[in-house]
C-alpha atoms as a PDB file:
ATOM      1  CA  MET A   1      -2.667   0.637 -13.651  1.00  0.00           C
ATOM      2  CA  ALA A   2      -4.425   0.127 -10.600  1.00  0.00           C
ATOM      3  CA  LYS A   3      -6.209   3.148  -8.145  1.00  0.00           C
ATOM      4  CA  ALA A   4      -4.262   3.973  -4.828  1.00  0.00           C
ATOM      5  CA  ALA A   5      -7.319   3.026  -2.602  1.00  0.00           C
ATOM      6  CA  ARG A   6      -7.660  -0.360  -4.503  1.00  0.00           C
ATOM      7  CA  VAL A   7      -4.162  -1.400  -3.558  1.00  0.00           C
ATOM      8  CA  LEU A   8      -4.476   0.261   0.211  1.00  0.00           C
ATOM      9  CA  ALA A   9      -7.619  -1.797   0.639  1.00  0.00           C
ATOM     10  CA  ALA A  10      -5.770  -5.035  -0.811  1.00  0.00           C
ATOM     11  CA  LEU A  11      -2.891  -4.408   1.804  1.00  0.00           C
ATOM     12  CA  LYS A  12      -5.605  -4.061   4.442  1.00  0.00           C
ATOM     13  CA  ARG A  13      -7.073  -7.201   3.699  1.00  0.00           C
ATOM     14  CA  ASP A  14      -3.688  -8.923   3.782  1.00  0.00           C
ATOM     15  CA  GLY A  15      -3.467  -7.888   7.763  1.00  0.00           C
ATOM     16  CA  TRP A  16      -2.068  -4.126   7.142  1.00  0.00           C
ATOM     17  CA  ILE A  17      -3.898  -1.603  10.092  1.00  0.00           C
ATOM     18  CA  GLU A  18      -4.107   1.796   9.618  1.00  0.00           C
ATOM     19  CA  ARG A  19      -2.182   3.438  12.975  1.00  0.00           C
ATOM     20  CA  ARG A  20      -3.031   6.928  12.192  1.00  0.00           C
ATOM     21  CA  ARG A  21      -3.573   9.451   9.373  1.00  0.00           C
ATOM     22  CA  VAL A  22      -2.364  12.911   8.515  1.00  0.00           C
ATOM     23  CA  GLY A  23      -3.930  14.314   5.279  1.00  0.00           C
ATOM     24  CA  SER A  24      -2.931  11.676   2.878  1.00  0.00           C
ATOM     25  CA  HIS A  25       0.213  10.493   4.971  1.00  0.00           C
ATOM     26  CA  ARG A  26      -1.106   7.025   6.670  1.00  0.00           C
ATOM     27  CA  VAL A  27       0.679   5.121   9.142  1.00  0.00           C
ATOM     28  CA  LEU A  28       0.459   1.168   8.546  1.00  0.00           C
ATOM     29  CA  VAL A  29       1.417  -1.808  10.786  1.00  0.00           C
ATOM     30  CA  ASN A  30       1.690  -5.232  10.049  1.00  0.00           C
ATOM     31  CA  GLY A  31       3.075  -6.836  13.427  1.00  0.00           C
ATOM     32  CA  ASP A  32       6.500  -5.325  14.280  1.00  0.00           C
ATOM     33  CA  ARG A  33       6.639  -3.692  10.836  1.00  0.00           C
ATOM     34  CA  GLN A  34       5.496  -0.146  10.344  1.00  0.00           C
ATOM     35  CA  ARG A  35       5.446   1.852   6.768  1.00  0.00           C
ATOM     36  CA  ILE A  36       4.172   5.313   5.514  1.00  0.00           C
ATOM     37  CA  TRP A  37       1.627   5.523   2.465  1.00  0.00           C
ATOM     38  CA  ALA A  38       1.869   8.809   1.017  1.00  0.00           C
ATOM     39  CA  TYR A  39      -0.574   8.125  -2.143  1.00  0.00           C
ATOM     40  CA  HIS A  40      -3.662   9.868  -2.831  1.00  0.00           C
ATOM     41  CA  ASP A  41      -6.940   7.545  -3.095  1.00  0.00           C
ATOM     42  CA  GLY A  42      -7.417   8.824  -6.883  1.00  0.00           C
ATOM     43  CA  ALA A  43      -3.973   8.322  -8.013  1.00  0.00           C
ATOM     44  CA  ASP A  44      -2.942   5.574 -10.671  1.00  0.00           C
ATOM     45  CA  LEU A  45      -0.128   3.790  -9.797  1.00  0.00           C
ATOM     46  CA  GLY A  46       1.871   2.706 -12.726  1.00  0.00           C
ATOM     47  CA  GLY A  47       4.100  -0.264 -13.288  1.00  0.00           C
ATOM     48  CA  PRO A  48       7.024   1.943 -11.190  1.00  0.00           C
ATOM     49  CA  ALA A  49       5.023   2.888  -8.133  1.00  0.00           C
ATOM     50  CA  MET A  50       3.593  -0.472  -7.970  1.00  0.00           C
ATOM     51  CA  ALA A  51       6.828  -2.238  -8.362  1.00  0.00           C
ATOM     52  CA  ARG A  52       7.930   0.178  -5.341  1.00  0.00           C
ATOM     53  CA  VAL A  53       4.997  -0.571  -3.001  1.00  0.00           C
ATOM     54  CA  ALA A  54       5.257  -3.865  -3.140  1.00  0.00           C
ATOM     55  CA  LYS A  55       9.354  -4.098  -2.794  1.00  0.00           C
ATOM     56  CA  ASP A  56       8.420  -1.731   0.566  1.00  0.00           C
ATOM     57  CA  TYR A  57       5.845  -3.652   2.141  1.00  0.00           C
ATOM     58  CA  GLY A  58       7.669  -7.212   1.485  1.00  0.00           C
ATOM     59  CA  TYR A  59       5.638  -8.326  -1.700  1.00  0.00           C
ATOM     60  CA  THR A  60       6.946  -9.462  -4.897  1.00  0.00           C
ATOM     61  CA  LEU A  61       5.006  -7.659  -7.454  1.00  0.00           C
ATOM     62  CA  ALA A  62       2.984 -10.759  -8.959  1.00  0.00           C
ATOM     63  CA  GLU A  63       2.035 -11.066  -5.398  1.00  0.00           C
ATOM     64  CA  LEU A  64       0.549  -7.499  -4.898  1.00  0.00           C
ATOM     65  CA  ARG A  65      -1.153  -7.779  -8.013  1.00  0.00           C
ATOM     66  CA  ARG A  66      -3.053 -11.046  -6.694  1.00  0.00           C
ATOM     67  CA  LEU A  67      -4.027  -9.215  -3.321  1.00  0.00           C
END
């Protein structure tokens, strides 16, 4: 399981930029794509959550794990 903070940091390294934040909800943008990140930093992202994040952000699960 990966912590949400590590996955978020990997997304930011790959070009996603945090546009704004309200509590634990963050709006991330990459080019013309915009997504909402709604995980607390310390939350464990198991298999189903990682698969959902990968799909939402345009990655395969293997690509997201390599980031």
